[in-house]
């Protein structure tokens, strides 16, 4: 219900006030920075993370190597290069002219509010006895 109400409010705000600041390229830039880059970083580090060693050791992809590195690392590196390439052109492409002063404010404010939202609810959960760091701190068993 909360997600629905927030979504409807944001749709209204978008169409009423921020249509010029939140063009598709800004939304795509947010997707690149919020989804694709963190996922690529996680894939890059996954084979070398001690916490998930058991998962990686049991994976059939552990044996897939290219020039001595796991193929997932190569894929993550290519993905990161492409994501940063896209992000660079989202920001500096003069033909699009989408990243203007107000759109950068929306972009940064979205990130800041998202991170603040997480820490506020983490603190609230801890105050009622739920430590989300422990709850989501490890991968579930398969």
Protein backbone atom coordinates (compact mmCIF):
# COMPACT_ATOMS: atom_id res chain seq x y z
CA UNK A 1 0.00 0.00 0.00
CA UNK A 2 2.85 2.36 0.86
CA UNK A 3 4.60 1.69 -2.46
CA UNK A 4 1.32 2.25 -4.32
CA UNK A 5 0.66 5.59 -2.57
CA UNK A 6 4.24 6.79 -3.09
CA UNK A 7 4.15 5.69 -6.72
CA UNK A 8 0.91 7.53 -7.39
CA UNK A 9 2.20 10.66 -5.67
CA UNK A 10 5.42 10.57 -7.69
CA UNK A 11 3.52 10.07 -10.94
CA UNK A 12 1.43 13.15 -10.12
CA UNK A 13 4.54 15.17 -9.24
CA UNK A 14 6.23 14.03 -12.45
CA UNK A 15 3.39 15.07 -14.73
CA UNK A 16 2.46 18.22 -12.80
CA UNK A 17 5.88 19.75 -12.08
CA UNK A 18 8.92 17.74 -13.10
CA UNK A 19 8.26 16.52 -16.64
CA UNK A 20 11.08 18.68 -18.04
CA UNK A 21 13.58 17.71 -15.33
CA UNK A 22 12.86 13.97 -15.42
CA UNK A 23 13.15 13.04 -19.05
CA UNK A 24 13.77 9.44 -20.04
CA UNK A 25 17.52 9.92 -20.08
CA UNK A 26 17.49 11.02 -16.43
CA UNK A 27 15.43 7.99 -15.46
CA UNK A 28 17.79 5.77 -17.46
CA UNK A 29 20.76 7.40 -15.75
CA UNK A 30 19.17 6.61 -12.40
CA UNK A 31 18.67 3.02 -13.51
CA UNK A 32 22.31 2.73 -14.59
CA UNK A 33 23.59 4.11 -11.27
CA UNK A 34 21.09 2.24 -9.09
CA UNK A 35 20.88 -1.16 -10.80
CA UNK A 36 23.43 -1.90 -13.49
CA UNK A 37 26.61 -0.52 -11.88
CA UNK A 38 26.00 -2.06 -8.41
CA UNK A 39 25.11 -5.41 -10.01
CA UNK A 40 28.25 -5.36 -12.13
CA UNK A 41 30.38 -4.50 -9.08
CA UNK A 42 28.78 -7.38 -7.16
CA UNK A 43 29.49 -9.77 -10.05
CA UNK A 44 33.07 -8.52 -10.25
CA UNK A 45 33.67 -9.18 -6.55
CA UNK A 46 31.53 -12.31 -6.14
CA UNK A 47 34.19 -14.95 -6.90
CA UNK A 48 36.57 -13.31 -4.40
CA UNK A 49 34.18 -12.64 -1.50
CA UNK A 50 34.85 -14.83 1.51
CA UNK A 51 31.24 -14.73 2.72
CA UNK A 52 29.92 -16.50 -0.37
CA UNK A 53 32.84 -18.85 -0.92
CA UNK A 54 30.60 -21.89 -0.45
CA UNK A 55 28.15 -20.69 -3.06
CA UNK A 56 30.91 -19.88 -5.53
CA UNK A 57 32.72 -23.18 -4.90
CA UNK A 58 29.55 -25.16 -5.64
CA UNK A 59 28.77 -23.17 -8.80
CA UNK A 60 29.40 -24.83 -12.16
CA UNK A 61 30.52 -21.42 -13.46
CA UNK A 62 33.58 -21.58 -11.22
CA UNK A 63 35.29 -23.66 -13.88
CA UNK A 64 34.55 -21.20 -16.69
CA UNK A 65 37.73 -19.18 -17.06
CA UNK A 66 39.25 -16.92 -19.66
CA UNK A 67 42.89 -15.87 -19.34
CA UNK A 68 42.92 -17.20 -15.78
CA UNK A 69 39.96 -15.15 -14.54
CA UNK A 70 36.39 -16.35 -14.07
CA UNK A 71 34.17 -15.47 -17.03
CA UNK A 72 31.77 -13.67 -14.66
CA UNK A 73 34.58 -11.22 -13.85
CA UNK A 74 35.10 -10.51 -17.56
CA UNK A 75 31.37 -10.03 -18.04
CA UNK A 76 31.21 -7.68 -15.08
CA UNK A 77 34.17 -5.66 -16.37
CA UNK A 78 32.57 -5.28 -19.81
CA UNK A 79 29.26 -4.36 -18.16
CA UNK A 80 30.96 -1.72 -15.98
CA UNK A 81 32.74 -0.23 -18.97
CA UNK A 82 29.49 -0.04 -20.91
CA UNK A 83 27.52 1.36 -17.96
CA UNK A 84 30.07 4.11 -17.32
CA UNK A 85 30.20 4.82 -21.07
CA UNK A 86 26.41 5.25 -21.07
CA UNK A 87 26.49 7.37 -17.93
CA UNK A 88 29.17 9.61 -19.40
CA UNK A 89 27.07 10.28 -22.49
CA UNK A 90 23.90 10.73 -20.44
CA UNK A 91 25.62 13.53 -18.55
CA UNK A 92 27.82 15.16 -21.20
CA UNK A 93 25.90 14.63 -24.44
CA UNK A 94 25.09 18.16 -25.56
CA UNK A 95 22.62 16.96 -28.19
CA UNK A 96 20.32 15.49 -25.55
CA UNK A 97 20.59 18.45 -23.14
CA UNK A 98 18.76 16.42 -20.52
CA UNK A 99 21.13 16.91 -17.61
CA UNK A 100 20.37 20.49 -16.74
CA UNK A 101 20.68 22.13 -13.33
CA UNK A 102 17.18 21.12 -12.15
CA UNK A 103 17.51 17.57 -13.46
CA UNK A 104 20.84 17.11 -11.65
CA UNK A 105 19.13 18.31 -8.45
CA UNK A 106 16.38 15.72 -8.96
CA UNK A 107 18.99 13.03 -9.69
CA UNK A 108 21.10 13.77 -6.60
CA UNK A 109 18.07 14.34 -4.36
CA UNK A 110 16.63 10.97 -5.39
CA UNK A 111 19.85 9.24 -4.38
CA UNK A 112 20.16 11.14 -1.10
CA UNK A 113 16.54 10.52 -0.14
CA UNK A 114 16.82 6.84 -1.07
CA UNK A 115 19.88 6.32 1.13
CA UNK A 116 18.30 8.34 3.95
CA UNK A 117 15.10 6.26 3.64
CA UNK A 118 17.12 3.06 4.10
CA UNK A 119 19.00 4.28 7.17
CA UNK A 120 15.88 5.77 8.78
CA UNK A 121 14.02 2.46 8.49
CA UNK A 122 17.10 0.50 9.56
CA UNK A 123 17.30 2.63 12.73
CA UNK A 124 13.55 2.29 13.29
CA UNK A 125 13.75 -1.50 12.90
CA UNK A 126 16.67 -1.68 15.29
CA UNK A 127 14.70 0.35 17.87
CA UNK A 128 11.97 -2.33 17.89
CA UNK A 129 14.49 -5.15 18.12
CA UNK A 130 15.06 -6.16 14.49
CA UNK A 131 18.60 -5.86 13.17
CA UNK A 132 18.21 -5.89 9.39
CA UNK A 133 21.98 -6.31 9.02
CA UNK A 134 21.60 -9.78 10.53
CA UNK A 135 18.38 -10.53 8.70
CA UNK A 136 19.76 -9.85 5.24
CA UNK A 137 23.46 -10.35 5.99
CA UNK A 138 23.92 -13.72 4.33
CA UNK A 139 22.71 -15.62 1.33
CA UNK A 140 19.86 -18.07 1.98
CA UNK A 141 20.64 -21.76 1.69
CA UNK A 142 19.67 -23.42 -1.58
